[in-house]
C-alpha atoms as a PDB file:
ATOM      1  CA  MET A   1     114.998 146.641 147.962  1.00  0.00           C
ATOM      2  CA  ALA A   2     115.138 148.061 144.449  1.00  0.00           C
ATOM      3  CA  ARG A   3     117.831 145.527 143.523  1.00  0.00           C
ATOM      4  CA  LEU A   4     115.668 142.692 144.881  1.00  0.00           C
ATOM      5  CA  VAL A   5     112.691 143.815 142.769  1.00  0.00           C
ATOM      6  CA  VAL A   6     114.890 144.019 139.673  1.00  0.00           C
ATOM      7  CA  ALA A   7     116.226 140.532 140.381  1.00  0.00           C
ATOM      8  CA  PHE A   8     112.715 139.093 140.667  1.00  0.00           C
ATOM      9  CA  LEU A   9     111.685 140.827 137.439  1.00  0.00           C
ATOM     10  CA  MET A  10     114.694 139.393 135.604  1.00  0.00           C
ATOM     11  CA  ILE A  11     113.963 135.885 136.894  1.00  0.00           C
ATOM     12  CA  GLY A  12     110.325 136.247 135.859  1.00  0.00           C
ATOM     13  CA  ALA A  13     111.332 137.401 132.401  1.00  0.00           C
ATOM     14  CA  MET A  14     113.691 134.434 132.005  1.00  0.00           C
ATOM     15  CA  LEU A  15     110.979 131.967 133.041  1.00  0.00           C
ATOM     16  CA  CYS A  16     108.497 133.556 130.621  1.00  0.00           C
ATOM     17  CA  CYS A  17     111.030 133.325 127.794  1.00  0.00           C
ATOM     18  CA  ALA A  18     111.690 129.652 128.578  1.00  0.00           C
ATOM     19  CA  ALA A  19     107.967 128.854 128.578  1.00  0.00           C
ATOM     20  CA  SER A  20     107.479 130.802 125.363  1.00  0.00           C
ATOM     21  CA  ALA A  21     110.377 128.968 123.720  1.00  0.00           C
ATOM     22  CA  SER A  22     108.793 125.647 124.698  1.00  0.00           C
ATOM     23  CA  ARG A  23     105.476 126.693 123.139  1.00  0.00           C
ATOM     24  CA  VAL A  24     106.982 127.892 119.862  1.00  0.00           C
ATOM     25  CA  ALA A  25     109.406 124.982 119.391  1.00  0.00           C
ATOM     26  CA  PRO A  26     107.080 123.229 116.881  1.00  0.00           C
ATOM     27  CA  TRP A  27     106.599 126.538 115.057  1.00  0.00           C
ATOM     28  CA  ALA A  28     110.332 127.063 114.750  1.00  0.00           C
ATOM     29  CA  ARG A  29     110.763 123.647 113.121  1.00  0.00           C
ATOM     30  CA  LEU A  30     108.162 124.476 110.495  1.00  0.00           C
ATOM     31  CA  ALA A  31     110.646 126.885 108.927  1.00  0.00           C
ATOM     32  CA  ARG A  32     112.896 123.872 108.230  1.00  0.00           C
ATOM     33  CA  LEU A  33     110.100 121.503 107.256  1.00  0.00           C
ATOM     34  CA  GLY A  34     110.813 119.685 104.007  1.00  0.00           C
ATOM     35  CA  GLY A  35     107.374 120.506 102.670  1.00  0.00           C
ATOM     36  CA  ASP A  36     105.566 123.026 100.551  1.00  0.00           C
ATOM     37  CA  ALA A  37     104.121 126.309 101.797  1.00  0.00           C
ATOM     38  CA  GLN A  38     100.591 124.876 101.935  1.00  0.00           C
ATOM     39  CA  THR A  39     101.661 122.014 104.204  1.00  0.00           C
ATOM     40  CA  ILE A  40     103.416 124.461 106.521  1.00  0.00           C
ATOM     41  CA  LYS A  41     100.287 126.640 106.548  1.00  0.00           C
ATOM     42  CA  TRP A  42      98.153 123.585 107.365  1.00  0.00           C
ATOM     43  CA  LEU A  43     100.388 122.680 110.310  1.00  0.00           C
ATOM     44  CA  GLN A  44     100.465 126.249 111.570  1.00  0.00           C
ATOM     45  CA  GLN A  45      96.673 126.386 111.530  1.00  0.00           C
ATOM     46  CA  ASN A  46      96.373 123.128 113.456  1.00  0.00           C
ATOM     47  CA  LEU A  47      98.953 124.224 116.006  1.00  0.00           C
ATOM     48  CA  ARG A  48      96.969 127.417 116.584  1.00  0.00           C
ATOM     49  CA  LEU A  49      93.712 125.464 116.981  1.00  0.00           C
ATOM     50  CA  HIS A  50      95.274 122.703 119.093  1.00  0.00           C
ATOM     51  CA  GLY A  51      92.901 121.913 121.948  1.00  0.00           C
ATOM     52  CA  SER A  52      90.164 124.293 120.775  1.00  0.00           C
ATOM     53  CA  GLU A  53      86.610 123.500 119.669  1.00  0.00           C
ATOM     54  CA  GLU A  54      87.459 124.788 116.180  1.00  0.00           C
ATOM     55  CA  GLN A  55      89.954 121.997 115.502  1.00  0.00           C
ATOM     56  CA  GLU A  56      89.075 119.719 112.590  1.00  0.00           C
ATOM     57  CA  GLU A  57      87.079 116.637 113.541  1.00  0.00           C
ATOM     58  CA  GLY A  58      87.564 113.112 112.272  1.00  0.00           C
ATOM     59  CA  CYS A  59      90.456 110.685 111.913  1.00  0.00           C
ATOM     60  CA  ALA A  60      93.877 112.236 111.245  1.00  0.00           C
ATOM     61  CA  ILE A  61      95.842 110.531 108.443  1.00  0.00           C
ATOM     62  CA  ILE A  62      99.476 111.548 107.950  1.00  0.00           C
ATOM     63  CA  ALA A  63     102.134 110.228 105.562  1.00  0.00           C
ATOM     64  CA  THR A  64     105.737 111.437 105.709  1.00  0.00           C
ATOM     65  CA  LYS A  65     108.513 110.884 103.172  1.00  0.00           C
ATOM     66  CA  TYR A  66     112.104 111.007 104.421  1.00  0.00           C
ATOM     67  CA  GLU A  67     115.241 111.568 102.320  1.00  0.00           C
ATOM     68  CA  VAL A  68     117.961 109.776 104.278  1.00  0.00           C
ATOM     69  CA  PRO A  69     121.683 109.885 103.327  1.00  0.00           C
ATOM     70  CA  PRO A  70     122.709 106.230 102.791  1.00  0.00           C
ATOM     71  CA  SER A  71     125.348 106.376 105.539  1.00  0.00           C
ATOM     72  CA  MET A  72     122.667 107.480 108.032  1.00  0.00           C
ATOM     73  CA  ARG A  73     120.204 104.668 107.300  1.00  0.00           C
ATOM     74  CA  ARG A  74     120.847 102.570 110.427  1.00  0.00           C
ATOM     75  CA  ASP A  75     120.864 105.569 112.770  1.00  0.00           C
ATOM     76  CA  PHE A  76     117.646 106.865 111.186  1.00  0.00           C
ATOM     77  CA  VAL A  77     115.837 103.529 111.506  1.00  0.00           C
ATOM     78  CA  ASP A  78     116.941 103.174 115.134  1.00  0.00           C
ATOM     79  CA  ALA A  79     115.749 106.709 115.963  1.00  0.00           C
ATOM     80  CA  TRP A  80     112.403 106.163 114.222  1.00  0.00           C
ATOM     81  CA  MET A  81     111.832 102.828 115.985  1.00  0.00           C
ATOM     82  CA  LYS A  82     112.059 104.640 119.331  1.00  0.00           C
ATOM     83  CA  VAL A  83     109.385 107.071 118.105  1.00  0.00           C
ATOM     84  CA  GLN A  84     107.208 104.222 116.853  1.00  0.00           C
ATOM     85  CA  GLN A  85     107.372 102.376 120.169  1.00  0.00           C
ATOM     86  CA  GLN A  86     106.182 105.404 122.110  1.00  0.00           C
ATOM     87  CA  THR A  87     103.596 106.309 119.462  1.00  0.00           C
ATOM     88  CA  MET A  88     102.044 102.846 119.461  1.00  0.00           C
ATOM     89  CA  ASP A  89     101.802 102.995 123.265  1.00  0.00           C
ATOM     90  CA  GLU A  90      99.334 105.853 122.846  1.00  0.00           C
ATOM     91  CA  GLU A  91      95.760 104.532 122.911  1.00  0.00           C
ATOM     92  CA  THR A  92      94.656 107.081 120.301  1.00  0.00           C
ATOM     93  CA  THR A  93      97.049 105.788 117.616  1.00  0.00           C
ATOM     94  CA  ASN A  94      95.303 103.452 115.161  1.00  0.00           C
ATOM     95  CA  MET A  95      98.447 102.556 113.210  1.00  0.00           C
ATOM     96  CA  TYR A  96     101.973 103.849 112.598  1.00  0.00           C
ATOM     97  CA  ASP A  97     104.503 102.073 110.390  1.00  0.00           C
ATOM     98  CA  MET A  98     107.420 102.630 108.033  1.00  0.00           C
ATOM     99  CA  LYS A  99     108.419 101.229 104.669  1.00  0.00           C
ATOM    100  CA  LYS A 100     111.499 101.631 102.459  1.00  0.00           C
ATOM    101  CA  THR A 101     111.286 102.300  98.725  1.00  0.00           C
ATOM    102  CA  MET A 102     113.005  99.460  96.868  1.00  0.00           C
ATOM    103  CA  GLY A 103     114.259 101.355  93.801  1.00  0.00           C
ATOM    104  CA  ASP A 104     116.780 103.534  95.646  1.00  0.00           C
ATOM    105  CA  ASN A 105     118.920 103.755  98.807  1.00  0.00           C
ATOM    106  CA  VAL A 106     117.473 107.065 100.020  1.00  0.00           C
ATOM    107  CA  PHE A 107     113.711 107.278 100.600  1.00  0.00           C
ATOM    108  CA  PHE A 108     111.510 106.022 103.447  1.00  0.00           C
ATOM    109  CA  TRP A 109     107.733 106.435 103.888  1.00  0.00           C
ATOM    110  CA  THR A 110     105.855 106.446 107.180  1.00  0.00           C
ATOM    111  CA  TYR A 111     102.077 106.275 107.506  1.00  0.00           C
ATOM    112  CA  GLY A 112      99.987 106.919 110.599  1.00  0.00           C
ATOM    113  CA  GLU A 113      96.351 107.232 111.638  1.00  0.00           C
ATOM    114  CA  TRP A 114      95.112 108.883 114.840  1.00  0.00           C
ATOM    115  CA  GLU A 115      91.615 109.098 116.323  1.00  0.00           C
ATOM    116  CA  SER A 116      91.468 112.863 115.743  1.00  0.00           C
ATOM    117  CA  MET A 117      93.519 115.825 114.606  1.00  0.00           C
ATOM    118  CA  GLU A 118      93.910 116.892 118.235  1.00  0.00           C
ATOM    119  CA  LYS A 119      95.464 113.514 119.093  1.00  0.00           C
ATOM    120  CA  PHE A 120      97.863 113.810 116.152  1.00  0.00           C
ATOM    121  CA  MET A 121      98.924 117.268 117.348  1.00  0.00           C
ATOM    122  CA  ASP A 122      99.530 115.771 120.819  1.00  0.00           C
ATOM    123  CA  HIS A 123     101.839 113.297 119.074  1.00  0.00           C
ATOM    124  CA  PHE A 124     103.532 115.928 116.903  1.00  0.00           C
ATOM    125  CA  THR A 125     104.301 118.209 119.860  1.00  0.00           C
ATOM    126  CA  ALA A 126     105.368 115.435 122.282  1.00  0.00           C
ATOM    127  CA  ASP A 127     108.880 115.481 123.772  1.00  0.00           C
ATOM    128  CA  TYR A 128     109.923 112.297 121.947  1.00  0.00           C
ATOM    129  CA  MET A 129     108.930 113.871 118.607  1.00  0.00           C
ATOM    130  CA  ALA A 130     110.863 117.040 119.478  1.00  0.00           C
ATOM    131  CA  GLU A 131     113.915 114.843 120.079  1.00  0.00           C
ATOM    132  CA  PHE A 132     113.365 112.981 116.786  1.00  0.00           C
ATOM    133  CA  LEU A 133     112.883 116.186 114.776  1.00  0.00           C
ATOM    134  CA  GLY A 134     116.044 117.571 116.352  1.00  0.00           C
ATOM    135  CA  PHE A 135     117.887 114.416 115.246  1.00  0.00           C
ATOM    136  CA  LEU A 136     116.639 114.918 111.670  1.00  0.00           C
ATOM    137  CA  ASP A 137     117.883 118.521 111.666  1.00  0.00           C
ATOM    138  CA  GLU A 138     121.257 117.563 113.108  1.00  0.00           C
ATOM    139  CA  LYS A 139     121.809 114.802 110.535  1.00  0.00           C
ATOM    140  CA  ASP A 140     120.494 116.806 107.531  1.00  0.00           C
ATOM    141  CA  ILE A 141     117.668 114.326 106.936  1.00  0.00           C
ATOM    142  CA  MET A 142     114.976 116.075 104.905  1.00  0.00           C
ATOM    143  CA  TRP A 143     111.303 115.212 105.264  1.00  0.00           C
ATOM    144  CA  HIS A 144     108.019 116.093 103.626  1.00  0.00           C
ATOM    145  CA  MET A 145     104.714 115.667 105.439  1.00  0.00           C
ATOM    146  CA  TYR A 146     101.490 114.811 103.594  1.00  0.00           C
ATOM    147  CA  PRO A 147      98.277 115.435 105.595  1.00  0.00           C
ATOM    148  CA  LEU A 148      95.748 113.135 103.930  1.00  0.00           C
ATOM    149  CA  LYS A 149      91.983 112.855 103.555  1.00  0.00           C
ATOM    150  CA  ASN A 150      90.268 109.556 102.857  1.00  0.00           C
ATOM    151  CA  VAL A 151      88.757 109.172  99.374  1.00  0.00           C
ATOM    152  CA  THR A 152      87.836 105.487  99.346  1.00  0.00           C
ATOM    153  CA  ASP A 153      85.436 103.895 101.820  1.00  0.00           C
ATOM    154  CA  ASN A 154      86.008 101.007 104.193  1.00  0.00           C
ATOM    155  CA  ALA A 155      86.047  98.604 101.262  1.00  0.00           C
ATOM    156  CA  ALA A 156      89.668  99.654 100.835  1.00  0.00           C
ATOM    157  CA  MET A 157      90.529  97.140 103.572  1.00  0.00           C
ATOM    158  CA  HIS A 158      88.124  94.464 102.493  1.00  0.00           C
ATOM    159  CA  LYS A 159      90.167  91.453 103.603  1.00  0.00           C
ATOM    160  CA  ASP A 160      92.119  90.510 106.705  1.00  0.00           C
ATOM    161  CA  THR A 161      95.803  91.370 106.453  1.00  0.00           C
ATOM    162  CA  ARG A 162      97.753  88.163 106.128  1.00  0.00           C
ATOM    163  CA  VAL A 163     101.096  87.319 107.712  1.00  0.00           C
ATOM    164  CA  SER A 164     104.049  88.664 105.726  1.00  0.00           C
ATOM    165  CA  ARG A 165     105.816  86.240 103.397  1.00  0.00           C
ATOM    166  CA  LYS A 166     109.161  87.918 104.042  1.00  0.00           C
ATOM    167  CA  LYS A 167     112.084  85.439 104.058  1.00  0.00           C
ATOM    168  CA  GLY A 168     115.149  87.648 103.773  1.00  0.00           C
ATOM    169  CA  ASP A 169     115.781  90.355 101.188  1.00  0.00           C
ATOM    170  CA  ASP A 170     114.511  88.648  98.039  1.00  0.00           C
ATOM    171  CA  PRO A 171     111.442  90.577  96.737  1.00  0.00           C
ATOM    172  CA  ARG A 172     110.049  87.333  95.321  1.00  0.00           C
ATOM    173  CA  ASP A 173     109.602  86.100  98.900  1.00  0.00           C
ATOM    174  CA  MET A 174     107.939  89.272 100.149  1.00  0.00           C
ATOM    175  CA  LYS A 175     104.435  90.573 100.282  1.00  0.00           C
ATOM    176  CA  ALA A 176     104.032  93.381  97.739  1.00  0.00           C
ATOM    177  CA  HIS A 177     103.481  96.930  99.016  1.00  0.00           C
ATOM    178  CA  VAL A 178     103.209  99.786  96.515  1.00  0.00           C
ATOM    179  CA  VAL A 179     102.736 103.543  96.911  1.00  0.00           C
ATOM    180  CA  ILE A 180     101.590 105.672  93.956  1.00  0.00           C
ATOM    181  CA  GLU A 181     101.637 109.468  93.829  1.00  0.00           C
ATOM    182  CA  TYR A 182      99.287 111.200  91.375  1.00  0.00           C
ATOM    183  CA  HIS A 183      99.575 114.820  90.213  1.00  0.00           C
ATOM    184  CA  VAL A 184      96.061 115.651  89.049  1.00  0.00           C
ATOM    185  CA  PRO A 185      95.101 118.915  87.290  1.00  0.00           C
ATOM    186  CA  PRO A 186      92.429 120.520  89.527  1.00  0.00           C
ATOM    187  CA  SER A 187      89.887 120.531  86.695  1.00  0.00           C
ATOM    188  CA  LYS A 188      90.262 116.720  86.387  1.00  0.00           C
ATOM    189  CA  VAL A 189      89.939 115.776  90.071  1.00  0.00           C
ATOM    190  CA  GLU A 190      86.353 114.479  89.935  1.00  0.00           C
ATOM    191  CA  GLU A 191      86.983 112.474  86.760  1.00  0.00           C
ATOM    192  CA  PHE A 192      90.139 111.043  88.291  1.00  0.00           C
ATOM    193  CA  ILE A 193      88.372 109.932  91.475  1.00  0.00           C
ATOM    194  CA  ASP A 194      85.614 108.258  89.465  1.00  0.00           C
ATOM    195  CA  ALA A 195      88.138 106.472  87.231  1.00  0.00           C
ATOM    196  CA  TRP A 196      90.246 105.374  90.192  1.00  0.00           C
ATOM    197  CA  LYS A 197      87.210 104.030  92.054  1.00  0.00           C
ATOM    198  CA  ASP A 198      86.154 102.061  88.957  1.00  0.00           C
ATOM    199  CA  CYS A 199      89.581 100.421  88.964  1.00  0.00           C
ATOM    200  CA  ALA A 200      89.396  99.885  92.731  1.00  0.00           C
ATOM    201  CA  MET A 201      86.105  97.997  92.505  1.00  0.00           C
ATOM    202  CA  ASP A 202      87.786  95.338  90.348  1.00  0.00           C
ATOM    203  CA  THR A 203      91.030  95.453  92.340  1.00  0.00           C
ATOM    204  CA  TRP A 204      89.166  94.642  95.558  1.00  0.00           C
ATOM    205  CA  GLU A 205      87.895  91.498  93.836  1.00  0.00           C
ATOM    206  CA  GLU A 206      91.435  90.276  93.130  1.00  0.00           C
ATOM    207  CA  LYS A 207      92.166  87.145  95.152  1.00  0.00           C
ATOM    208  CA  ASP A 208      95.576  88.279  96.440  1.00  0.00           C
ATOM    209  CA  ASN A 209      94.839  91.948  97.085  1.00  0.00           C
ATOM    210  CA  SER A 210      94.399  92.875 100.756  1.00  0.00           C
ATOM    211  CA  LEU A 211      94.478  96.673 100.601  1.00  0.00           C
ATOM    212  CA  TYR A 212      93.936  99.330  97.939  1.00  0.00           C
ATOM    213  CA  ALA A 213      93.186 102.866  99.133  1.00  0.00           C
ATOM    214  CA  LEU A 214      93.298 106.416  97.800  1.00  0.00           C
ATOM    215  CA  ARG A 215      94.022 109.524  99.876  1.00  0.00           C
ATOM    216  CA  LYS A 216      94.053 113.208  98.910  1.00  0.00           C
ATOM    217  CA  VAL A 217      96.757 115.482 100.269  1.00  0.00           C
ATOM    218  CA  ALA A 218      94.733 117.929 102.355  1.00  0.00           C
ATOM    219  CA  SER A 219      97.106 120.843 101.846  1.00  0.00           C
ATOM    220  CA  MET A 220      97.154 120.657  98.016  1.00  0.00           C
ATOM    221  CA  ASN A 221      94.534 120.814  95.270  1.00  0.00           C
ATOM    222  CA  HIS A 222      96.262 118.363  92.917  1.00  0.00           C
ATOM    223  CA  HIS A 223      98.159 115.705  94.870  1.00  0.00           C
ATOM    224  CA  PHE A 224      96.793 112.213  95.657  1.00  0.00           C
ATOM    225  CA  VAL A 225      98.507 109.182  97.180  1.00  0.00           C
ATOM    226  CA  ALA A 226      97.377 105.570  96.714  1.00  0.00           C
ATOM    227  CA  TYR A 227      98.607 102.546  98.627  1.00  0.00           C
ATOM    228  CA  GLY A 228      98.127  98.867  97.881  1.00  0.00           C
ATOM    229  CA  SER A 229      99.182  95.466  99.232  1.00  0.00           C
ATOM    230  CA  TRP A 230      99.237  92.096  97.469  1.00  0.00           C
ATOM    231  CA  GLU A 231     100.254  88.637  98.647  1.00  0.00           C
ATOM    232  CA  SER A 232     103.228  88.612  96.235  1.00  0.00           C
ATOM    233  CA  TYR A 233     104.876  90.698  93.551  1.00  0.00           C
ATOM    234  CA  ASP A 234     103.606  88.217  90.975  1.00  0.00           C
ATOM    235  CA  ALA A 235     100.095  89.081  92.162  1.00  0.00           C
ATOM    236  CA  TYR A 236     100.899  92.787  91.922  1.00  0.00           C
ATOM    237  CA  MET A 237     102.140  92.365  88.336  1.00  0.00           C
ATOM    238  CA  ASP A 238      98.888  90.538  87.520  1.00  0.00           C
ATOM    239  CA  HIS A 239      97.082  93.603  88.885  1.00  0.00           C
ATOM    240  CA  PHE A 240      99.321  96.011  86.959  1.00  0.00           C
ATOM    241  CA  MET A 241      98.674  94.231  83.659  1.00  0.00           C
ATOM    242  CA  SER A 242      94.967  93.618  84.288  1.00  0.00           C
ATOM    243  CA  LYS A 243      92.294  95.091  82.052  1.00  0.00           C
ATOM    244  CA  HIS A 244      90.976  97.438  84.773  1.00  0.00           C
ATOM    245  CA  THR A 245      94.440  98.819  85.604  1.00  0.00           C
ATOM    246  CA  ARG A 246      95.366  99.282  81.947  1.00  0.00           C
ATOM    247  CA  LYS A 247      92.091 101.192  81.511  1.00  0.00           C
ATOM    248  CA  LEU A 248      93.023 103.489  84.410  1.00  0.00           C
ATOM    249  CA  ARG A 249      96.548 104.051  83.047  1.00  0.00           C
ATOM    250  CA  GLN A 250      95.103 104.958  79.655  1.00  0.00           C
ATOM    251  CA  PHE A 251      92.801 107.481  81.330  1.00  0.00           C
ATOM    252  CA  LEU A 252      95.790 108.993  83.146  1.00  0.00           C
ATOM    253  CA  ASP A 253      97.672 109.340  79.859  1.00  0.00           C
ATOM    254  CA  ASP A 254      94.709 110.891  78.070  1.00  0.00           C
ATOM    255  CA  THR A 255      94.142 113.494  80.799  1.00  0.00           C
ATOM    256  CA  ASN A 256      97.833 114.357  81.435  1.00  0.00           C
ATOM    257  CA  ILE A 257      97.722 113.023  84.987  1.00  0.00           C
ATOM    258  CA  MET A 258     101.255 112.137  86.056  1.00  0.00           C
ATOM    259  CA  TYR A 259     101.850 109.219  88.393  1.00  0.00           C
ATOM    260  CA  PHE A 260     104.928 107.889  90.195  1.00  0.00           C
ATOM    261  CA  SER A 261     104.906 104.341  91.548  1.00  0.00           C
ATOM    262  CA  ASP A 262     107.326 102.897  94.133  1.00  0.00           C
ATOM    263  CA  PRO A 263     107.466  99.319  95.453  1.00  0.00           C
ATOM    264  CA  LEU A 264     108.031  99.295  99.213  1.00  0.00           C
ATOM    265  CA  MET A 265     109.777  97.011 101.680  1.00  0.00           C
ATOM    266  CA  SER A 266     108.354  96.654 105.213  1.00  0.00           C
ATOM    267  CA  MET A 267     110.649  97.756 108.033  1.00  0.00           C
ATOM    268  CA  THR A 268     108.458  96.316 110.814  1.00  0.00           C
ATOM    269  CA  ASP A 269     106.165  93.326 111.248  1.00  0.00           C
ATOM    270  CA  THR A 270     102.511  93.530 112.289  1.00  0.00           C
ATOM    271  CA  SER A 271     103.507  93.820 115.974  1.00  0.00           C
ATOM    272  CA  GLY A 272     105.808  96.773 115.282  1.00  0.00           C
ATOM    273  CA  LYS A 273     109.006  94.710 115.714  1.00  0.00           C
ATOM    274  CA  GLN A 274     111.868  95.687 113.414  1.00  0.00           C
ATOM    275  CA  LEU A 275     112.586  93.185 110.625  1.00  0.00           C
END
């Protein structure tokens, strides 16, 4: 009888350990997250609050930058496309897409919006994401997550998105997509937002601009990310050399705000199909 009790206790302990391991799996991956301590802290907090009334309300906006060894590019894209297909099947996903930086053979950006932070955490802790994150670990693909907060209003998407002009790999035949990272001294944040919005007001009036939006990284006090789309790279260069953009760039120089701009290449079309 004593042996039977011991056996049941051992089985119970094993089941409890298995359940516990399942619950902490996302926590364990945070130790290998390619992000800063504040991003890890932000994720930990949201994992703790997952499903509770204290969880942050409002749309969840997440950008992720991946550093992919060139030899792993095809395997990475294939693995991500599986994640995208399942993510877009979720009714609470507003958008989820990926773009490749054009000035290198390493970096990819993904951008997603969910109805709420709780729905994003459902996505982040799903089995298909656990499989994808395991793939990234196994292949030494580093990633950095940027939880974002909206700065611009709905005027950021003031025009209907047009069909891509992509006709192969020639940038001159593609729609222009650009991501810009800003490192803003905390004391200059309000001035920066005002200056950026002034530029945005004129950018939204540009004939060939379809999107121009600014987001603040929620886990940092100095990091902003902007994203814009134009009908062509000629149109983007017209924007870059315009009076309102030159005024913004001069402000950035005068206030020691560093910026890093990358042209992007779409990896999927508007339906989510791989290009």
